[in-house]
């Protein structure tokens, strides 16, 4: 398992932000439908099918997805692990932005989508610890979050 994790981290460093977005969307569709399709990816990301095809070829070359033109797209084990990391980062950031910083769901999701690609592992791990601390302190002191929300 450690070997897979190291391999995933190495691959992650070679992906562009948009490739991460494509992989994340493919993973969501595979979870929902068992596979992904070019048209569905295009619609979800609001991009042209030609752009999707280019990204699919790049992701298949990195062995993150299984892709052949005009067939259903599936995700490899490495692709799934990487997509889980990206999606998890997005969800944690989004949750913090919405429930602690008081952003709307749309604002939280938009900002999380931007940040998930640029923060380092160290930043994210420290952010996660900070987020957990804020939540724990907030539970121990119910007025904490409310007082904070009055500031924003």
Protein backbone atom coordinates (compact mmCIF):
# COMPACT_ATOMS: atom_id res chain seq x y z
CA UNK A 1 0.00 0.00 0.00
CA UNK A 2 2.89 2.39 0.79
CA UNK A 3 4.28 1.77 -2.68
CA UNK A 4 0.97 2.68 -4.30
CA UNK A 5 0.75 5.82 -2.16
CA UNK A 6 4.27 6.93 -3.18
CA UNK A 7 3.48 6.21 -6.81
CA UNK A 8 0.26 8.25 -6.58
CA UNK A 9 2.10 11.20 -5.01
CA UNK A 10 4.72 11.08 -7.75
CA UNK A 11 2.06 11.07 -10.48
CA UNK A 12 0.14 13.85 -8.73
CA UNK A 13 3.13 16.16 -9.13
CA UNK A 14 3.01 15.69 -12.91
CA UNK A 15 -0.66 16.54 -13.38
CA UNK A 16 -1.90 19.97 -14.41
CA UNK A 17 -4.76 21.55 -12.51
CA UNK A 18 -7.16 20.81 -15.34
CA UNK A 19 -6.06 17.16 -15.49
CA UNK A 20 -6.81 16.90 -11.78
CA UNK A 21 -10.28 18.35 -12.46
CA UNK A 22 -10.87 15.81 -15.22
CA UNK A 23 -9.72 12.93 -13.03
CA UNK A 24 -11.93 14.10 -10.18
CA UNK A 25 -14.95 14.33 -12.48
CA UNK A 26 -14.26 10.92 -14.02
CA UNK A 27 -14.05 9.43 -10.54
CA UNK A 28 -17.38 11.00 -9.54
CA UNK A 29 -19.04 9.61 -12.66
CA UNK A 30 -17.51 6.17 -12.17
CA UNK A 31 -18.86 6.13 -8.62
CA UNK A 32 -22.29 7.14 -9.87
CA UNK A 33 -22.55 5.12 -13.10
CA UNK A 34 -19.72 2.58 -13.07
CA UNK A 35 -18.06 4.45 -15.94
CA UNK A 36 -17.73 7.91 -17.47
CA UNK A 37 -18.52 9.22 -20.96
CA UNK A 38 -16.97 12.07 -22.92
CA UNK A 39 -20.30 13.88 -23.25
CA UNK A 40 -21.01 13.70 -19.52
CA UNK A 41 -17.53 14.96 -18.64
CA UNK A 42 -17.88 17.76 -21.19
CA UNK A 43 -21.22 18.83 -19.73
CA UNK A 44 -20.09 18.60 -16.10
CA UNK A 45 -16.94 20.67 -16.65
CA UNK A 46 -18.49 22.94 -19.26
CA UNK A 47 -15.76 22.29 -21.82
CA UNK A 48 -15.71 21.11 -25.43
CA UNK A 49 -15.55 17.42 -26.23
CA UNK A 50 -12.22 17.92 -28.00
CA UNK A 51 -10.74 19.26 -24.76
CA UNK A 52 -12.05 16.23 -22.91
CA UNK A 53 -10.53 13.89 -25.47
CA UNK A 54 -7.12 15.53 -25.11
CA UNK A 55 -7.27 15.23 -21.34
CA UNK A 56 -8.40 11.60 -21.54
CA UNK A 57 -5.44 10.71 -23.74
CA UNK A 58 -3.05 12.38 -21.29
CA UNK A 59 -4.63 10.64 -18.29
CA UNK A 60 -4.58 7.28 -20.09
CA UNK A 61 -0.90 7.79 -20.96
CA UNK A 62 -0.25 8.26 -17.23
CA UNK A 63 -2.18 5.02 -16.60
CA UNK A 64 -4.77 6.78 -14.44
CA UNK A 65 -7.76 5.84 -16.59
CA UNK A 66 -8.73 3.24 -19.16
CA UNK A 67 -9.77 5.02 -22.33
CA UNK A 68 -10.46 4.02 -25.91
CA UNK A 69 -12.34 6.31 -28.32
CA UNK A 70 -16.11 5.72 -28.36
CA UNK A 71 -16.05 3.46 -25.33
CA UNK A 72 -16.83 3.84 -21.65
CA UNK A 73 -14.11 5.33 -19.49
CA UNK A 74 -13.02 3.61 -16.30
CA UNK A 75 -10.43 4.48 -13.70
CA UNK A 76 -7.34 2.52 -12.70
CA UNK A 77 -6.37 1.75 -9.12
CA UNK A 78 -3.73 4.52 -9.22
CA UNK A 79 -6.24 6.91 -10.75
CA UNK A 80 -8.81 6.07 -8.11
CA UNK A 81 -6.35 6.67 -5.26
CA UNK A 82 -5.31 10.00 -6.73
CA UNK A 83 -8.90 11.07 -7.41
CA UNK A 84 -9.84 10.20 -3.82
CA UNK A 85 -7.03 12.44 -2.53
CA UNK A 86 -8.13 15.32 -4.77
CA UNK A 87 -11.81 14.92 -3.89
CA UNK A 88 -11.06 14.59 -0.17
CA UNK A 89 -9.00 17.78 -0.25
CA UNK A 90 -11.82 19.57 -2.07
CA UNK A 91 -14.46 18.38 0.40
CA UNK A 92 -12.42 19.33 3.48
CA UNK A 93 -11.61 22.79 2.14
CA UNK A 94 -15.20 23.34 1.04
CA UNK A 95 -16.58 22.25 4.39
CA UNK A 96 -14.26 24.60 6.27
CA UNK A 97 -15.04 27.55 3.99
CA UNK A 98 -18.77 26.99 4.31
CA UNK A 99 -19.14 25.98 7.94
CA UNK A 100 -16.36 27.98 9.57
CA UNK A 101 -15.80 30.96 7.28
CA UNK A 102 -19.49 31.33 6.45
CA UNK A 103 -19.23 31.25 2.65
CA UNK A 104 -22.16 30.07 0.58
CA UNK A 105 -21.93 26.55 -0.76
CA UNK A 106 -21.20 27.89 -4.26
CA UNK A 107 -18.46 30.24 -3.02
CA UNK A 108 -16.97 27.53 -0.83
CA UNK A 109 -16.91 25.02 -3.67
CA UNK A 110 -15.42 27.49 -6.15
CA UNK A 111 -12.63 28.49 -3.76
CA UNK A 112 -11.96 24.90 -2.74
CA UNK A 113 -11.67 23.92 -6.41
CA UNK A 114 -9.05 26.60 -6.96
CA UNK A 115 -7.08 25.87 -3.81
CA UNK A 116 -7.10 22.07 -3.93
CA UNK A 117 -4.59 22.16 -6.77
CA UNK A 118 -2.06 24.59 -5.37
CA UNK A 119 -1.66 23.82 -1.69
CA UNK A 120 1.26 21.64 -0.63
CA UNK A 121 0.82 18.43 1.33
CA UNK A 122 2.37 20.12 4.37
CA UNK A 123 -0.02 23.06 4.11
CA UNK A 124 -3.00 20.76 3.74
CA UNK A 125 -1.98 18.52 6.66
CA UNK A 126 -1.48 21.57 8.90
CA UNK A 127 -4.77 23.05 7.66
CA UNK A 128 -6.52 19.81 8.52
CA UNK A 129 -5.09 19.88 12.04
CA UNK A 130 -6.15 23.52 12.42
CA UNK A 131 -9.63 22.77 11.13
CA UNK A 132 -9.98 19.86 13.55
CA UNK A 133 -8.77 22.07 16.41
CA UNK A 134 -11.27 24.82 15.57
CA UNK A 135 -14.11 22.31 15.45
CA UNK A 136 -13.06 20.63 18.69
CA UNK A 137 -12.61 23.95 20.48
CA UNK A 138 -15.95 25.08 19.09
CA UNK A 139 -17.64 22.00 20.56
CA UNK A 140 -16.00 22.61 23.92
CA UNK A 141 -17.00 26.27 23.78
CA UNK A 142 -20.30 26.61 21.86
CA UNK A 143 -20.02 30.41 21.71
CA UNK A 144 -16.66 30.24 19.91
CA UNK A 145 -17.97 29.75 16.36
CA UNK A 146 -20.88 32.16 16.91
CA UNK A 147 -18.53 34.86 18.22
CA UNK A 148 -16.25 34.27 15.28
CA UNK A 149 -19.14 34.51 12.83
CA UNK A 150 -20.03 37.92 14.32
CA UNK A 151 -16.58 39.10 13.21
CA UNK A 152 -17.08 38.19 9.56
